[in-house]
Amino acid sequence: MVTSTTGATTQRDWLAVVVGGLRCASGVSFLVSPDAANRAWGDDSDIGPTGSLLLRSMGYRDALVGGLLCASGLRGTGSTGWFLASAGADAADLLGGIANHDRMSESQVVKGIGGAVAGIGIGLGGALRAARRTDS
């Protein structure tokens, strides 16, 4: 339980904490070592400077969204919007993956597109769950 300055108590949103923590950790991995993170997602080729820039940008995005989702879960308030931001980030990744699926290996398609679809589902489900928590 978290007690606010007004004395009201709220329950922590542990799903937001876990999902946010995982997204943040993934983002940090892309910031720290974009080449290694890229290999973990199924690409074994050299990414070059442009690829490194894009992967680091994705890392910043995921670290920010994940960290704020995790923080909202610890506070027990406001996680609905951050779950939606997380789903939106995965929707952008899905659109990019679909546009390039013919250039991707089977492993990249499964991990990239499958991961994005799962992320969208988790984000939308988490947002719905968080919205219901605030209504009750």
N, C-alpha and C. Protein backbone atom coordinates (compact mmCIF):
# COMPACT_ATOMS: atom_id res chain seq x y z
N MET A 1 0.82 -1.18 0.00
CA MET A 1 0.00 0.00 0.00
C MET A 1 0.87 1.24 0.00
N VAL A 2 0.37 2.25 -0.70
CA VAL A 2 1.05 3.53 -0.78
C VAL A 2 0.12 4.57 -0.18
N THR A 3 0.62 5.39 0.72
CA THR A 3 -0.19 6.44 1.33
C THR A 3 0.19 7.76 0.68
N SER A 4 -0.83 8.50 0.18
CA SER A 4 -0.57 9.79 -0.46
C SER A 4 -0.49 10.88 0.58
N THR A 5 -0.17 12.08 0.13
CA THR A 5 -0.08 13.22 1.05
C THR A 5 -1.44 13.58 1.63
N THR A 6 -2.52 13.16 0.97
CA THR A 6 -3.86 13.42 1.49
C THR A 6 -4.31 12.37 2.49
N GLY A 7 -3.50 11.33 2.66
CA GLY A 7 -3.84 10.26 3.59
C GLY A 7 -4.55 9.09 2.96
N ALA A 8 -4.89 9.20 1.65
CA ALA A 8 -5.55 8.09 0.96
C ALA A 8 -4.52 7.00 0.67
N THR A 9 -4.97 5.77 0.68
CA THR A 9 -4.07 4.66 0.37
C THR A 9 -4.47 4.02 -0.95
N THR A 10 -3.48 3.59 -1.69
CA THR A 10 -3.72 2.88 -2.94
C THR A 10 -2.82 1.64 -2.97
N GLN A 11 -3.24 0.67 -3.74
CA GLN A 11 -2.45 -0.55 -3.92
C GLN A 11 -1.46 -0.34 -5.05
N ARG A 12 -0.28 -0.87 -4.90
CA ARG A 12 0.68 -0.84 -6.00
C ARG A 12 0.15 -1.70 -7.14
N ASP A 13 0.48 -1.30 -8.35
CA ASP A 13 0.09 -2.06 -9.54
C ASP A 13 1.30 -2.89 -9.96
N TRP A 14 1.35 -4.12 -9.47
CA TRP A 14 2.52 -4.97 -9.68
C TRP A 14 2.70 -5.36 -11.14
N LEU A 15 1.62 -5.46 -11.91
CA LEU A 15 1.76 -5.74 -13.34
C LEU A 15 2.50 -4.59 -14.01
N ALA A 16 2.17 -3.36 -13.66
CA ALA A 16 2.87 -2.19 -14.22
C ALA A 16 4.33 -2.19 -13.81
N VAL A 17 4.61 -2.58 -12.58
CA VAL A 17 5.99 -2.63 -12.10
C VAL A 17 6.80 -3.64 -12.91
N VAL A 18 6.25 -4.83 -13.10
CA VAL A 18 6.97 -5.89 -13.81
C VAL A 18 7.11 -5.56 -15.29
N VAL A 19 6.02 -5.20 -15.95
CA VAL A 19 6.07 -4.89 -17.38
C VAL A 19 6.96 -3.68 -17.62
N GLY A 20 6.81 -2.66 -16.80
CA GLY A 20 7.66 -1.47 -16.93
C GLY A 20 9.13 -1.79 -16.70
N GLY A 21 9.40 -2.60 -15.70
CA GLY A 21 10.79 -2.99 -15.42
C GLY A 21 11.41 -3.74 -16.58
N LEU A 22 10.65 -4.65 -17.18
CA LEU A 22 11.16 -5.42 -18.33
C LEU A 22 11.41 -4.51 -19.53
N ARG A 23 10.48 -3.60 -19.80
CA ARG A 23 10.64 -2.68 -20.93
C ARG A 23 11.83 -1.76 -20.69
N CYS A 24 11.98 -1.27 -19.47
CA CYS A 24 13.10 -0.40 -19.13
C CYS A 24 14.43 -1.15 -19.29
N ALA A 25 14.49 -2.38 -18.81
CA ALA A 25 15.71 -3.17 -18.93
C ALA A 25 16.06 -3.42 -20.39
N SER A 26 15.06 -3.71 -21.20
CA SER A 26 15.28 -3.90 -22.63
C SER A 26 15.84 -2.63 -23.25
N GLY A 27 15.24 -1.50 -22.88
CA GLY A 27 15.71 -0.22 -23.40
C GLY A 27 17.15 0.06 -23.01
N VAL A 28 17.48 -0.20 -21.76
CA VAL A 28 18.85 0.02 -21.30
C VAL A 28 19.82 -0.88 -22.06
N SER A 29 19.40 -2.12 -22.35
CA SER A 29 20.29 -3.02 -23.10
C SER A 29 20.59 -2.46 -24.49
N PHE A 30 19.61 -1.82 -25.13
CA PHE A 30 19.84 -1.21 -26.44
C PHE A 30 20.73 0.03 -26.33
N LEU A 31 20.67 0.71 -25.20
CA LEU A 31 21.54 1.87 -24.98
C LEU A 31 22.98 1.46 -24.72
N VAL A 32 23.15 0.46 -23.86
CA VAL A 32 24.49 0.04 -23.44
C VAL A 32 25.22 -0.69 -24.55
N SER A 33 24.53 -1.61 -25.22
CA SER A 33 25.18 -2.40 -26.26
C SER A 33 24.19 -2.72 -27.38
N PRO A 34 24.01 -1.77 -28.30
CA PRO A 34 23.03 -2.00 -29.38
C PRO A 34 23.35 -3.23 -30.23
N ASP A 35 24.63 -3.51 -30.44
CA ASP A 35 24.98 -4.69 -31.24
C ASP A 35 24.53 -5.99 -30.57
N ALA A 36 24.82 -6.12 -29.27
CA ALA A 36 24.42 -7.33 -28.54
C ALA A 36 22.91 -7.45 -28.46
N ALA A 37 22.23 -6.33 -28.19
CA ALA A 37 20.77 -6.36 -28.12
C ALA A 37 20.17 -6.74 -29.47
N ASN A 38 20.75 -6.23 -30.54
CA ASN A 38 20.27 -6.56 -31.88
C ASN A 38 20.42 -8.05 -32.16
N ARG A 39 21.55 -8.63 -31.73
CA ARG A 39 21.76 -10.08 -31.90
C ARG A 39 20.72 -10.87 -31.09
N ALA A 40 20.39 -10.38 -29.90
CA ALA A 40 19.39 -11.08 -29.07
C ALA A 40 18.03 -11.11 -29.76
N TRP A 41 17.74 -10.12 -30.60
CA TRP A 41 16.46 -10.08 -31.32
C TRP A 41 16.54 -10.78 -32.67
N GLY A 42 17.66 -11.47 -32.95
CA GLY A 42 17.70 -12.34 -34.11
C GLY A 42 18.52 -11.88 -35.29
N ASP A 43 19.22 -10.75 -35.19
CA ASP A 43 20.02 -10.27 -36.32
C ASP A 43 21.49 -10.48 -36.00
N ASP A 44 22.20 -11.16 -36.88
CA ASP A 44 23.61 -11.42 -36.63
C ASP A 44 24.53 -10.54 -37.48
N SER A 45 23.96 -9.62 -38.25
CA SER A 45 24.79 -8.77 -39.10
C SER A 45 25.25 -7.51 -38.35
N ASP A 46 26.29 -6.88 -38.89
CA ASP A 46 26.79 -5.63 -38.34
C ASP A 46 25.73 -4.55 -38.60
N ILE A 47 25.39 -3.79 -37.59
CA ILE A 47 24.31 -2.81 -37.75
C ILE A 47 24.79 -1.47 -38.30
N GLY A 48 26.07 -1.17 -38.19
CA GLY A 48 26.61 0.08 -38.71
C GLY A 48 26.17 1.28 -37.87
N PRO A 49 26.65 2.47 -38.23
CA PRO A 49 26.35 3.65 -37.42
C PRO A 49 24.88 4.06 -37.45
N THR A 50 24.23 3.95 -38.60
CA THR A 50 22.81 4.34 -38.67
C THR A 50 21.96 3.38 -37.85
N GLY A 51 22.24 2.09 -37.97
CA GLY A 51 21.50 1.10 -37.18
C GLY A 51 21.72 1.30 -35.69
N SER A 52 22.95 1.62 -35.31
CA SER A 52 23.26 1.86 -33.90
C SER A 52 22.48 3.07 -33.39
N LEU A 53 22.42 4.13 -34.18
CA LEU A 53 21.65 5.31 -33.81
C LEU A 53 20.18 4.98 -33.61
N LEU A 54 19.60 4.23 -34.54
CA LEU A 54 18.18 3.88 -34.45
C LEU A 54 17.90 2.97 -33.26
N LEU A 55 18.79 2.00 -33.02
CA LEU A 55 18.59 1.10 -31.88
C LEU A 55 18.73 1.85 -30.56
N ARG A 56 19.67 2.79 -30.49
CA ARG A 56 19.80 3.60 -29.27
C ARG A 56 18.56 4.47 -29.07
N SER A 57 18.01 5.01 -30.15
CA SER A 57 16.78 5.80 -30.05
C SER A 57 15.64 4.95 -29.51
N MET A 58 15.55 3.72 -30.00
CA MET A 58 14.54 2.79 -29.49
C MET A 58 14.82 2.49 -28.02
N GLY A 59 16.09 2.39 -27.67
CA GLY A 59 16.47 2.15 -26.27
C GLY A 59 16.05 3.28 -25.37
N TYR A 60 16.27 4.53 -25.79
CA TYR A 60 15.82 5.68 -25.00
C TYR A 60 14.31 5.63 -24.79
N ARG A 61 13.60 5.36 -25.89
CA ARG A 61 12.13 5.30 -25.82
C ARG A 61 11.68 4.23 -24.83
N ASP A 62 12.24 3.03 -24.96
CA ASP A 62 11.81 1.93 -24.11
C ASP A 62 12.23 2.13 -22.65
N ALA A 63 13.41 2.69 -22.43
CA ALA A 63 13.84 2.96 -21.06
C ALA A 63 12.93 4.01 -20.42
N LEU A 64 12.57 5.04 -21.16
CA LEU A 64 11.70 6.09 -20.64
C LEU A 64 10.30 5.56 -20.35
N VAL A 65 9.68 4.94 -21.35
CA VAL A 65 8.31 4.44 -21.17
C VAL A 65 8.28 3.37 -20.08
N GLY A 66 9.24 2.46 -20.11
CA GLY A 66 9.28 1.39 -19.10
C GLY A 66 9.52 1.93 -17.70
N GLY A 67 10.44 2.87 -17.58
CA GLY A 67 10.72 3.44 -16.26
C GLY A 67 9.52 4.18 -15.70
N LEU A 68 8.82 4.92 -16.54
CA LEU A 68 7.65 5.66 -16.06
C LEU A 68 6.46 4.72 -15.79
N LEU A 69 6.33 3.65 -16.56
CA LEU A 69 5.30 2.66 -16.26
C LEU A 69 5.59 1.99 -14.92
N CYS A 70 6.84 1.63 -14.70
CA CYS A 70 7.24 1.02 -13.43
C CYS A 70 6.99 1.98 -12.26
N ALA A 71 7.36 3.24 -12.42
CA ALA A 71 7.16 4.23 -11.36
C ALA A 71 5.69 4.44 -11.05
N SER A 72 4.85 4.47 -12.10
CA SER A 72 3.41 4.63 -11.85
C SER A 72 2.85 3.41 -11.12
N GLY A 73 3.38 2.23 -11.43
CA GLY A 73 2.94 1.03 -10.72
C GLY A 73 3.34 1.07 -9.26
N LEU A 74 4.53 1.57 -8.98
CA LEU A 74 4.96 1.69 -7.57
C LEU A 74 4.11 2.71 -6.81
N ARG A 75 3.71 3.78 -7.49
CA ARG A 75 2.83 4.78 -6.86
C ARG A 75 1.41 4.26 -6.70
N GLY A 76 1.03 3.34 -7.59
CA GLY A 76 -0.32 2.80 -7.55
C GLY A 76 -1.33 3.67 -8.28
N THR A 77 -0.85 4.65 -9.06
CA THR A 77 -1.75 5.53 -9.81
C THR A 77 -1.15 5.86 -11.17
N GLY A 78 -2.01 6.11 -12.13
CA GLY A 78 -1.57 6.63 -13.42
C GLY A 78 -0.96 5.64 -14.38
N SER A 79 -1.11 4.36 -14.16
CA SER A 79 -0.45 3.41 -15.06
C SER A 79 -1.22 3.20 -16.36
N THR A 80 -2.49 3.58 -16.42
CA THR A 80 -3.28 3.36 -17.64
C THR A 80 -2.60 4.01 -18.85
N GLY A 81 -2.25 5.26 -18.73
CA GLY A 81 -1.63 5.98 -19.85
C GLY A 81 -0.28 5.42 -20.24
N TRP A 82 0.49 4.96 -19.25
CA TRP A 82 1.81 4.41 -19.57
C TRP A 82 1.70 3.04 -20.20
N PHE A 83 0.66 2.26 -19.83
CA PHE A 83 0.42 1.00 -20.53
C PHE A 83 0.06 1.30 -21.99
N LEU A 84 -0.74 2.33 -22.22
CA LEU A 84 -1.11 2.69 -23.60
C LEU A 84 0.11 3.19 -24.38
N ALA A 85 0.99 3.94 -23.73
CA ALA A 85 2.22 4.39 -24.39
C ALA A 85 3.08 3.18 -24.77
N SER A 86 3.13 2.20 -23.90
CA SER A 86 3.90 0.98 -24.18
C SER A 86 3.30 0.24 -25.36
N ALA A 87 1.97 0.12 -25.39
CA ALA A 87 1.30 -0.54 -26.52
C ALA A 87 1.53 0.24 -27.80
N GLY A 88 1.52 1.56 -27.72
CA GLY A 88 1.76 2.39 -28.90
C GLY A 88 3.17 2.22 -29.45
N ALA A 89 4.15 2.10 -28.55
CA ALA A 89 5.53 1.87 -28.99
C ALA A 89 5.63 0.54 -29.72
N ASP A 90 4.95 -0.48 -29.19
CA ASP A 90 4.96 -1.79 -29.85
C ASP A 90 4.20 -1.76 -31.16
N ALA A 91 3.14 -0.95 -31.25
CA ALA A 91 2.41 -0.82 -32.51
C ALA A 91 3.30 -0.20 -33.58
N ALA A 92 4.11 0.78 -33.19
CA ALA A 92 5.06 1.38 -34.14
C ALA A 92 6.08 0.34 -34.60
N ASP A 93 6.57 -0.47 -33.66
CA ASP A 93 7.51 -1.54 -34.01
C ASP A 93 6.86 -2.56 -34.94
N LEU A 94 5.60 -2.88 -34.69
CA LEU A 94 4.88 -3.84 -35.54
C LEU A 94 4.75 -3.30 -36.96
N LEU A 95 4.37 -2.04 -37.09
CA LEU A 95 4.25 -1.46 -38.43
C LEU A 95 5.58 -1.47 -39.17
N GLY A 96 6.65 -1.14 -38.47
CA GLY A 96 7.98 -1.21 -39.08
C GLY A 96 8.36 -2.62 -39.47
N GLY A 97 8.01 -3.58 -38.61
CA GLY A 97 8.31 -4.97 -38.90
C GLY A 97 7.53 -5.49 -40.09
N ILE A 98 6.27 -5.12 -40.17
CA ILE A 98 5.46 -5.57 -41.31
C ILE A 98 5.99 -4.97 -42.61
N ALA A 99 6.40 -3.72 -42.57
CA ALA A 99 6.92 -3.06 -43.76
C ALA A 99 8.22 -3.70 -44.24
N ASN A 100 8.94 -4.35 -43.34
CA ASN A 100 10.23 -4.94 -43.70
C ASN A 100 10.28 -6.46 -43.56
N HIS A 101 9.12 -7.10 -43.40
CA HIS A 101 9.14 -8.53 -43.11
C HIS A 101 9.80 -9.35 -44.21
N ASP A 102 9.74 -8.90 -45.46
CA ASP A 102 10.35 -9.66 -46.55
C ASP A 102 11.88 -9.59 -46.51
N ARG A 103 12.44 -8.69 -45.73
CA ARG A 103 13.89 -8.57 -45.58
C ARG A 103 14.39 -9.19 -44.28
N MET A 104 13.47 -9.78 -43.50
CA MET A 104 13.81 -10.32 -42.20
C MET A 104 13.92 -11.84 -42.25
N SER A 105 14.81 -12.38 -41.40
CA SER A 105 14.89 -13.84 -41.28
C SER A 105 13.67 -14.34 -40.52
N GLU A 106 13.46 -15.64 -40.56
CA GLU A 106 12.32 -16.22 -39.84
C GLU A 106 12.42 -15.92 -38.34
N SER A 107 13.62 -16.02 -37.80
CA SER A 107 13.85 -15.74 -36.38
C SER A 107 13.51 -14.29 -36.05
N GLN A 108 13.89 -13.36 -36.93
CA GLN A 108 13.58 -11.95 -36.70
C GLN A 108 12.08 -11.70 -36.76
N VAL A 109 11.41 -12.35 -37.69
CA VAL A 109 9.95 -12.19 -37.80
C VAL A 109 9.27 -12.68 -36.53
N VAL A 110 9.67 -13.87 -36.08
CA VAL A 110 9.05 -14.44 -34.88
C VAL A 110 9.31 -13.55 -33.67
N LYS A 111 10.56 -13.17 -33.47
CA LYS A 111 10.91 -12.36 -32.29
C LYS A 111 10.41 -10.92 -32.41
N GLY A 112 10.62 -10.31 -33.56
CA GLY A 112 10.26 -8.90 -33.73
C GLY A 112 8.77 -8.66 -33.85
N ILE A 113 8.17 -9.32 -34.83
CA ILE A 113 6.73 -9.11 -35.05
C ILE A 113 5.92 -9.79 -33.95
N GLY A 114 6.31 -11.02 -33.58
CA GLY A 114 5.61 -11.71 -32.49
C GLY A 114 5.72 -10.97 -31.17
N GLY A 115 6.91 -10.44 -30.89
CA GLY A 115 7.10 -9.67 -29.66
C GLY A 115 6.28 -8.40 -29.66
N ALA A 116 6.19 -7.74 -30.81
CA ALA A 116 5.38 -6.51 -30.90
C ALA A 116 3.90 -6.82 -30.68
N VAL A 117 3.42 -7.90 -31.29
CA VAL A 117 2.00 -8.28 -31.10
C VAL A 117 1.74 -8.59 -29.62
N ALA A 118 2.63 -9.34 -29.00
CA ALA A 118 2.48 -9.65 -27.57
C ALA A 118 2.51 -8.37 -26.74
N GLY A 119 3.43 -7.46 -27.07
CA GLY A 119 3.53 -6.20 -26.34
C GLY A 119 2.28 -5.34 -26.46
N ILE A 120 1.68 -5.33 -27.65
CA ILE A 120 0.44 -4.58 -27.83
C ILE A 120 -0.66 -5.17 -26.95
N GLY A 121 -0.76 -6.49 -26.97
CA GLY A 121 -1.77 -7.16 -26.14
C GLY A 121 -1.58 -6.90 -24.66
N ILE A 122 -0.33 -6.99 -24.20
CA ILE A 122 -0.03 -6.75 -22.79
C ILE A 122 -0.32 -5.29 -22.43
N GLY A 123 0.06 -4.37 -23.31
CA GLY A 123 -0.18 -2.96 -23.05
C GLY A 123 -1.66 -2.63 -22.98
N LEU A 124 -2.44 -3.14 -23.94
CA LEU A 124 -3.88 -2.87 -23.94
C LEU A 124 -4.57 -3.55 -22.75
N GLY A 125 -4.17 -4.81 -22.48
CA GLY A 125 -4.75 -5.51 -21.33
C GLY A 125 -4.39 -4.84 -20.02
N GLY A 126 -3.14 -4.41 -19.90
CA GLY A 126 -2.71 -3.71 -18.69
C GLY A 126 -3.45 -2.40 -18.51
N ALA A 127 -3.66 -1.66 -19.61
CA ALA A 127 -4.39 -0.40 -19.53
C ALA A 127 -5.84 -0.63 -19.10
N LEU A 128 -6.47 -1.64 -19.66
CA LEU A 128 -7.84 -1.96 -19.29
C LEU A 128 -7.92 -2.34 -17.81
N ARG A 129 -6.99 -3.17 -17.38
CA ARG A 129 -6.95 -3.59 -15.97
C ARG A 129 -6.72 -2.39 -15.05
N ALA A 130 -5.79 -1.52 -15.43
CA ALA A 130 -5.49 -0.35 -14.60
C ALA A 130 -6.68 0.60 -14.54
N ALA A 131 -7.38 0.76 -15.67
CA ALA A 131 -8.56 1.64 -15.69
C ALA A 131 -9.65 1.08 -14.78
N ARG A 132 -9.82 -0.22 -14.79
CA ARG A 132 -10.83 -0.85 -13.92
C ARG A 132 -10.45 -0.69 -12.46
N ARG A 133 -9.15 -0.74 -12.16
CA ARG A 133 -8.68 -0.57 -10.77
C ARG A 133 -9.04 0.82 -10.24
N THR A 134 -8.91 1.83 -11.11
CA THR A 134 -9.19 3.20 -10.65
C THR A 134 -10.67 3.46 -10.55
N ASP A 135 -11.48 2.72 -11.30
CA ASP A 135 -12.93 2.88 -11.24
C ASP A 135 -13.53 2.28 -9.96
N SER A 136 -12.85 1.29 -9.39
CA SER A 136 -13.43 0.63 -8.21
C SER A 136 -12.99 1.26 -6.91
